[in-house]
Amino acid sequence: MAADIGWYDTDDITELASIDLGAIPPGEDYFTRNGSYKLVKAKNHGDVALATANVEIQQVAAYAAFTYLRIANDGGTPGTPGTFQDQAANPLTLGGLAIGAVAEVYIDAIVGALEDPATGQSANLVLLGAV
């Protein structure tokens, strides 16, 4: 194996093929709709320690949904996110990750009241790791 990083569920064991936020209608946000932020883990599942790990919000096709995403890392208190940032602040730095280590990533999506419902359903978070 080599350096590798992936998305995991909150159990640190279940690898995620995708991160589903469900439908968020115009004028709503993920936190209010669900009562909490979406929490996922970035896990170094390779056999090389990563000197840095970052998350970027990137556009998918022609959809504008990436502009609705807000992401934050661990705020220092378990279960509490740090400061949220949007795509203009890319990347979100997770720091170095030892082999098997995880970093929390909190996700919110805020869809403006005047947005087209069809454009609010697809977005992309990309994990980047460097040795």
N, C-alpha and C. Protein backbone atom coordinates (compact mmCIF):
# COMPACT_ATOMS: atom_id res chain seq x y z
N MET A 1 0.85 -1.17 0.00
CA MET A 1 0.00 0.00 0.00
C MET A 1 0.90 1.24 0.00
N ALA A 2 0.30 2.38 -0.02
CA ALA A 2 1.03 3.65 -0.02
C ALA A 2 0.24 4.66 0.79
N ALA A 3 0.56 5.91 0.62
CA ALA A 3 -0.20 6.96 1.29
C ALA A 3 -1.62 6.95 0.76
N ASP A 4 -2.61 7.01 1.67
CA ASP A 4 -4.01 6.98 1.26
C ASP A 4 -4.87 7.56 2.37
N ILE A 5 -5.88 8.30 1.97
CA ILE A 5 -6.78 8.94 2.94
C ILE A 5 -8.20 8.80 2.41
N GLY A 6 -9.16 8.63 3.31
CA GLY A 6 -10.54 8.45 2.87
C GLY A 6 -11.53 8.95 3.90
N TRP A 7 -12.79 9.01 3.47
CA TRP A 7 -13.90 9.44 4.34
C TRP A 7 -14.44 8.25 5.11
N TYR A 8 -14.70 8.45 6.40
CA TYR A 8 -15.25 7.40 7.26
C TYR A 8 -16.41 7.94 8.06
N ASP A 9 -17.28 7.02 8.48
CA ASP A 9 -18.39 7.37 9.35
C ASP A 9 -17.84 7.65 10.75
N THR A 10 -18.70 8.05 11.64
CA THR A 10 -18.27 8.45 12.98
C THR A 10 -17.71 7.30 13.81
N ASP A 11 -17.90 6.06 13.36
CA ASP A 11 -17.33 4.91 14.09
C ASP A 11 -15.85 4.68 13.75
N ASP A 12 -15.29 5.45 12.83
CA ASP A 12 -13.90 5.34 12.37
C ASP A 12 -13.62 4.03 11.63
N ILE A 13 -14.63 3.22 11.39
CA ILE A 13 -14.45 1.90 10.76
C ILE A 13 -15.13 1.83 9.41
N THR A 14 -16.33 2.38 9.29
CA THR A 14 -17.12 2.27 8.08
C THR A 14 -16.68 3.32 7.05
N GLU A 15 -16.08 2.84 5.95
CA GLU A 15 -15.65 3.75 4.90
C GLU A 15 -16.87 4.24 4.13
N LEU A 16 -16.89 5.52 3.79
CA LEU A 16 -18.01 6.12 3.07
C LEU A 16 -17.69 6.23 1.59
N ALA A 17 -18.59 5.74 0.76
CA ALA A 17 -18.43 5.89 -0.69
C ALA A 17 -18.80 7.32 -1.11
N SER A 18 -19.69 7.95 -0.34
CA SER A 18 -20.08 9.33 -0.60
C SER A 18 -20.58 9.93 0.71
N ILE A 19 -20.73 11.24 0.70
CA ILE A 19 -21.26 11.94 1.87
C ILE A 19 -22.61 12.51 1.46
N ASP A 20 -23.68 11.96 2.02
CA ASP A 20 -25.02 12.35 1.64
C ASP A 20 -25.60 13.31 2.67
N LEU A 21 -25.93 14.51 2.23
CA LEU A 21 -26.58 15.48 3.11
C LEU A 21 -28.08 15.47 2.97
N GLY A 22 -28.59 14.67 2.04
CA GLY A 22 -30.02 14.65 1.80
C GLY A 22 -30.48 15.91 1.11
N ALA A 23 -31.77 16.07 0.99
CA ALA A 23 -32.34 17.24 0.33
C ALA A 23 -32.40 18.41 1.30
N ILE A 24 -31.87 19.52 0.87
CA ILE A 24 -31.96 20.75 1.66
C ILE A 24 -32.64 21.79 0.78
N PRO A 25 -33.89 22.08 1.06
CA PRO A 25 -34.66 22.99 0.22
C PRO A 25 -34.16 24.43 0.33
N PRO A 26 -34.46 25.24 -0.66
CA PRO A 26 -34.11 26.66 -0.59
C PRO A 26 -34.67 27.30 0.69
N GLY A 27 -33.85 28.15 1.30
CA GLY A 27 -34.25 28.82 2.52
C GLY A 27 -33.97 28.03 3.78
N GLU A 28 -33.34 26.86 3.65
CA GLU A 28 -33.04 26.03 4.82
C GLU A 28 -31.55 25.70 4.89
N ASP A 29 -31.15 25.14 6.01
CA ASP A 29 -29.77 24.70 6.18
C ASP A 29 -29.76 23.32 6.83
N TYR A 30 -28.65 22.61 6.68
CA TYR A 30 -28.54 21.25 7.19
C TYR A 30 -28.71 21.21 8.71
N PHE A 31 -28.04 22.12 9.42
CA PHE A 31 -28.09 22.12 10.88
C PHE A 31 -29.51 22.26 11.40
N THR A 32 -30.25 23.24 10.91
CA THR A 32 -31.62 23.48 11.38
C THR A 32 -32.52 22.31 11.02
N ARG A 33 -32.36 21.78 9.83
CA ARG A 33 -33.22 20.69 9.34
C ARG A 33 -32.99 19.39 10.12
N ASN A 34 -31.73 19.15 10.56
CA ASN A 34 -31.38 17.87 11.20
C ASN A 34 -31.03 17.98 12.68
N GLY A 35 -30.92 19.17 13.22
CA GLY A 35 -30.62 19.34 14.63
C GLY A 35 -29.15 19.20 15.00
N SER A 36 -28.30 18.98 14.01
CA SER A 36 -26.86 18.88 14.24
C SER A 36 -26.15 19.05 12.90
N TYR A 37 -24.86 19.25 12.96
CA TYR A 37 -24.06 19.29 11.75
C TYR A 37 -23.76 17.87 11.30
N LYS A 38 -23.48 17.67 10.04
CA LYS A 38 -23.04 16.36 9.55
C LYS A 38 -21.59 16.18 9.98
N LEU A 39 -21.30 15.07 10.65
CA LEU A 39 -19.95 14.78 11.10
C LEU A 39 -19.43 13.57 10.34
N VAL A 40 -18.27 13.72 9.72
CA VAL A 40 -17.58 12.62 9.06
C VAL A 40 -16.12 12.66 9.52
N LYS A 41 -15.41 11.59 9.26
CA LYS A 41 -14.01 11.52 9.65
C LYS A 41 -13.13 11.37 8.42
N ALA A 42 -12.02 12.07 8.43
CA ALA A 42 -10.97 11.87 7.43
C ALA A 42 -9.96 10.93 8.08
N LYS A 43 -9.73 9.77 7.46
CA LYS A 43 -8.86 8.76 8.08
C LYS A 43 -7.69 8.42 7.17
N ASN A 44 -6.51 8.41 7.75
CA ASN A 44 -5.33 7.96 7.03
C ASN A 44 -5.34 6.44 7.06
N HIS A 45 -5.82 5.82 5.97
CA HIS A 45 -5.87 4.37 5.93
C HIS A 45 -4.76 3.77 5.06
N GLY A 46 -3.75 4.59 4.81
CA GLY A 46 -2.57 4.10 4.11
C GLY A 46 -1.54 3.58 5.09
N ASP A 47 -0.34 3.29 4.59
CA ASP A 47 0.71 2.79 5.47
C ASP A 47 1.87 3.78 5.59
N VAL A 48 1.56 5.05 5.32
CA VAL A 48 2.54 6.12 5.43
C VAL A 48 1.90 7.28 6.19
N ALA A 49 2.62 7.85 7.14
CA ALA A 49 2.11 9.01 7.86
C ALA A 49 2.00 10.19 6.90
N LEU A 50 0.95 10.99 7.06
CA LEU A 50 0.75 12.17 6.23
C LEU A 50 1.23 13.41 6.98
N ALA A 51 2.09 14.17 6.36
CA ALA A 51 2.58 15.40 6.97
C ALA A 51 1.47 16.44 7.03
N THR A 52 0.61 16.45 6.03
CA THR A 52 -0.53 17.37 6.00
C THR A 52 -1.73 16.67 5.38
N ALA A 53 -2.90 17.05 5.85
CA ALA A 53 -4.16 16.58 5.27
C ALA A 53 -5.08 17.80 5.18
N ASN A 54 -5.73 17.96 4.04
CA ASN A 54 -6.60 19.11 3.81
C ASN A 54 -7.91 18.64 3.19
N VAL A 55 -8.95 19.45 3.38
CA VAL A 55 -10.22 19.23 2.71
C VAL A 55 -10.49 20.46 1.86
N GLU A 56 -10.89 20.23 0.61
CA GLU A 56 -11.28 21.33 -0.27
C GLU A 56 -12.71 21.15 -0.71
N ILE A 57 -13.42 22.26 -0.82
CA ILE A 57 -14.75 22.26 -1.43
C ILE A 57 -14.53 22.56 -2.91
N GLN A 58 -14.97 21.64 -3.76
CA GLN A 58 -14.79 21.81 -5.20
C GLN A 58 -16.11 21.69 -5.92
N GLN A 59 -16.21 22.37 -7.04
CA GLN A 59 -17.44 22.34 -7.83
C GLN A 59 -17.58 21.03 -8.58
N VAL A 60 -18.83 20.55 -8.67
CA VAL A 60 -19.14 19.36 -9.45
C VAL A 60 -19.96 19.82 -10.66
N ALA A 61 -19.46 19.51 -11.85
CA ALA A 61 -20.15 19.87 -13.10
C ALA A 61 -20.56 21.33 -13.07
N ALA A 62 -21.79 21.61 -13.47
CA ALA A 62 -22.26 23.00 -13.54
C ALA A 62 -23.06 23.40 -12.31
N TYR A 63 -23.15 22.50 -11.33
CA TYR A 63 -23.97 22.78 -10.16
C TYR A 63 -23.34 23.85 -9.27
N ALA A 64 -24.17 24.70 -8.71
CA ALA A 64 -23.69 25.76 -7.82
C ALA A 64 -23.71 25.32 -6.36
N ALA A 65 -24.02 24.07 -6.08
CA ALA A 65 -24.19 23.61 -4.71
C ALA A 65 -22.94 23.77 -3.86
N PHE A 66 -21.76 23.72 -4.48
CA PHE A 66 -20.54 23.86 -3.69
C PHE A 66 -20.50 25.20 -2.96
N THR A 67 -21.22 26.19 -3.46
CA THR A 67 -21.24 27.50 -2.80
C THR A 67 -22.08 27.48 -1.52
N TYR A 68 -22.87 26.44 -1.30
CA TYR A 68 -23.71 26.34 -0.12
C TYR A 68 -22.98 25.67 1.05
N LEU A 69 -21.91 24.94 0.76
CA LEU A 69 -21.22 24.16 1.79
C LEU A 69 -20.40 25.03 2.73
N ARG A 70 -20.38 24.61 3.99
CA ARG A 70 -19.53 25.18 5.02
C ARG A 70 -18.90 24.00 5.75
N ILE A 71 -17.60 24.05 5.97
CA ILE A 71 -16.91 22.95 6.65
C ILE A 71 -16.05 23.50 7.79
N ALA A 72 -15.87 22.66 8.80
CA ALA A 72 -15.04 23.03 9.95
C ALA A 72 -14.38 21.76 10.49
N ASN A 73 -13.23 21.94 11.12
CA ASN A 73 -12.61 20.80 11.79
C ASN A 73 -13.00 20.85 13.26
N ASP A 74 -12.42 19.95 14.03
CA ASP A 74 -12.70 19.85 15.47
C ASP A 74 -12.36 21.16 16.16
N GLY A 75 -13.27 21.64 16.99
CA GLY A 75 -13.07 22.90 17.68
C GLY A 75 -12.31 22.80 18.98
N GLY A 76 -11.78 21.63 19.31
CA GLY A 76 -11.01 21.47 20.54
C GLY A 76 -11.80 20.83 21.66
N THR A 77 -13.12 20.92 21.62
CA THR A 77 -13.99 20.26 22.59
C THR A 77 -14.69 19.14 21.85
N PRO A 78 -14.67 17.90 22.37
CA PRO A 78 -15.31 16.79 21.67
C PRO A 78 -16.75 17.12 21.25
N GLY A 79 -17.05 16.85 19.99
CA GLY A 79 -18.40 17.08 19.47
C GLY A 79 -18.69 18.51 19.10
N THR A 80 -17.69 19.38 19.15
CA THR A 80 -17.89 20.79 18.85
C THR A 80 -17.04 21.20 17.66
N PRO A 81 -17.68 21.73 16.62
CA PRO A 81 -16.89 22.17 15.46
C PRO A 81 -16.15 23.47 15.74
N GLY A 82 -15.08 23.66 14.99
CA GLY A 82 -14.36 24.93 15.03
C GLY A 82 -15.08 25.94 14.16
N THR A 83 -14.35 26.88 13.62
CA THR A 83 -14.92 27.92 12.77
C THR A 83 -15.22 27.37 11.38
N PHE A 84 -16.44 27.56 10.92
CA PHE A 84 -16.82 27.10 9.58
C PHE A 84 -16.24 28.02 8.52
N GLN A 85 -15.92 27.43 7.39
CA GLN A 85 -15.42 28.20 6.25
C GLN A 85 -16.10 27.71 4.98
N ASP A 86 -16.13 28.59 3.97
CA ASP A 86 -16.71 28.23 2.68
C ASP A 86 -15.60 27.96 1.66
N GLN A 87 -15.99 27.78 0.40
CA GLN A 87 -15.02 27.42 -0.63
C GLN A 87 -13.99 28.52 -0.87
N ALA A 88 -14.31 29.76 -0.58
CA ALA A 88 -13.36 30.85 -0.79
C ALA A 88 -12.15 30.74 0.14
N ALA A 89 -12.30 30.03 1.24
CA ALA A 89 -11.22 29.89 2.22
C ALA A 89 -10.42 28.59 2.04
N ASN A 90 -10.68 27.83 0.98
CA ASN A 90 -9.97 26.55 0.75
C ASN A 90 -8.48 26.70 0.96
N PRO A 91 -7.83 25.64 1.47
CA PRO A 91 -8.38 24.41 2.01
C PRO A 91 -8.61 24.52 3.52
N LEU A 92 -9.37 23.57 4.05
CA LEU A 92 -9.50 23.40 5.49
C LEU A 92 -8.36 22.48 5.91
N THR A 93 -7.48 22.96 6.74
CA THR A 93 -6.30 22.20 7.15
C THR A 93 -6.63 21.31 8.34
N LEU A 94 -6.37 20.02 8.18
CA LEU A 94 -6.60 19.06 9.25
C LEU A 94 -5.32 18.75 10.01
N GLY A 95 -4.19 19.15 9.46
CA GLY A 95 -2.89 18.87 10.10
C GLY A 95 -2.33 17.54 9.65
N GLY A 96 -1.29 17.08 10.31
CA GLY A 96 -0.69 15.80 9.98
C GLY A 96 -1.54 14.65 10.52
N LEU A 97 -1.49 13.52 9.83
CA LEU A 97 -2.24 12.33 10.28
C LEU A 97 -1.31 11.12 10.27
N ALA A 98 -1.10 10.56 11.45
CA ALA A 98 -0.33 9.32 11.54
C ALA A 98 -1.12 8.19 10.90
N ILE A 99 -0.49 7.07 10.68
CA ILE A 99 -1.17 5.90 10.11
C ILE A 99 -2.33 5.51 11.02
N GLY A 100 -3.53 5.40 10.46
CA GLY A 100 -4.73 5.03 11.21
C GLY A 100 -5.40 6.17 11.94
N ALA A 101 -4.80 7.35 11.94
CA ALA A 101 -5.37 8.50 12.65
C ALA A 101 -6.56 9.08 11.89
N VAL A 102 -7.46 9.71 12.64
CA VAL A 102 -8.64 10.33 12.05
C VAL A 102 -8.71 11.80 12.47
N ALA A 103 -9.40 12.58 11.64
CA ALA A 103 -9.68 13.99 11.95
C ALA A 103 -11.16 14.22 11.68
N GLU A 104 -11.80 14.95 12.57
CA GLU A 104 -13.22 15.24 12.41
C GLU A 104 -13.43 16.37 11.42
N VAL A 105 -14.46 16.22 10.58
CA VAL A 105 -14.86 17.27 9.65
C VAL A 105 -16.37 17.45 9.80
N TYR A 106 -16.77 18.66 10.17
CA TYR A 106 -18.19 19.00 10.32
C TYR A 106 -18.64 19.71 9.05
N ILE A 107 -19.86 19.38 8.60
CA ILE A 107 -20.38 19.93 7.36
C ILE A 107 -21.74 20.57 7.61
N ASP A 108 -21.93 21.72 7.03
CA ASP A 108 -23.24 22.37 7.01
C ASP A 108 -23.46 22.82 5.58
N ALA A 109 -24.69 22.95 5.20
CA ALA A 109 -25.05 23.50 3.88
C ALA A 109 -26.16 24.50 4.11
N ILE A 110 -25.95 25.68 3.60
CA ILE A 110 -26.92 26.76 3.76
C ILE A 110 -27.39 27.16 2.37
N VAL A 111 -28.66 26.86 2.06
CA VAL A 111 -29.21 27.12 0.72
C VAL A 111 -30.07 28.38 0.80
N GLY A 112 -29.71 29.37 0.02
CA GLY A 112 -30.45 30.63 0.02
C GLY A 112 -31.91 30.45 -0.39
N ALA A 113 -32.76 31.31 0.12
CA ALA A 113 -34.20 31.21 -0.13
C ALA A 113 -34.56 31.36 -1.61
N LEU A 114 -33.75 32.04 -2.39
CA LEU A 114 -34.06 32.28 -3.80
C LEU A 114 -33.35 31.32 -4.74
N GLU A 115 -32.69 30.31 -4.21
CA GLU A 115 -31.95 29.37 -5.05
C GLU A 115 -32.87 28.37 -5.72
N ASP A 116 -32.41 27.84 -6.84
CA ASP A 116 -33.14 26.82 -7.59
C ASP A 116 -32.99 25.48 -6.85
N PRO A 117 -34.08 24.81 -6.49
CA PRO A 117 -33.97 23.55 -5.75
C PRO A 117 -33.13 22.49 -6.46
N ALA A 118 -33.12 22.47 -7.77
CA ALA A 118 -32.39 21.45 -8.51
C ALA A 118 -30.88 21.63 -8.37
N THR A 119 -30.41 22.84 -8.09
CA THR A 119 -28.97 23.05 -8.01
C THR A 119 -28.43 22.84 -6.61
N GLY A 120 -29.29 22.58 -5.66
CA GLY A 120 -28.83 22.46 -4.27
C GLY A 120 -28.59 21.06 -3.80
N GLN A 121 -28.46 20.09 -4.69
CA GLN A 121 -28.42 18.70 -4.26
C GLN A 121 -27.11 17.98 -4.53
N SER A 122 -26.13 18.63 -5.13
CA SER A 122 -24.89 17.93 -5.44
C SER A 122 -23.69 18.82 -5.11
N ALA A 123 -22.76 18.30 -4.33
CA ALA A 123 -21.56 19.04 -3.97
C ALA A 123 -20.42 18.07 -3.77
N ASN A 124 -19.22 18.59 -3.66
CA ASN A 124 -18.07 17.71 -3.59
C ASN A 124 -17.05 18.21 -2.58
N LEU A 125 -16.67 17.32 -1.65
CA LEU A 125 -15.57 17.57 -0.73
C LEU A 125 -14.44 16.65 -1.12
N VAL A 126 -13.24 17.20 -1.27
CA VAL A 126 -12.10 16.41 -1.71
C VAL A 126 -11.06 16.40 -0.59
N LEU A 127 -10.60 15.20 -0.24
CA LEU A 127 -9.54 15.03 0.75
C LEU A 127 -8.19 14.96 0.04
N LEU A 128 -7.25 15.75 0.53
CA LEU A 128 -5.91 15.77 -0.04
C LEU A 128 -4.90 15.50 1.07
N GLY A 129 -3.98 14.59 0.82
CA GLY A 129 -2.95 14.29 1.81
C GLY A 129 -1.58 14.35 1.17
N ALA A 130 -0.59 14.81 1.92
CA ALA A 130 0.79 14.87 1.44
C ALA A 130 1.71 14.24 2.48
N VAL A 131 2.70 13.50 2.01
CA VAL A 131 3.66 12.86 2.93
C VAL A 131 4.84 13.77 3.16
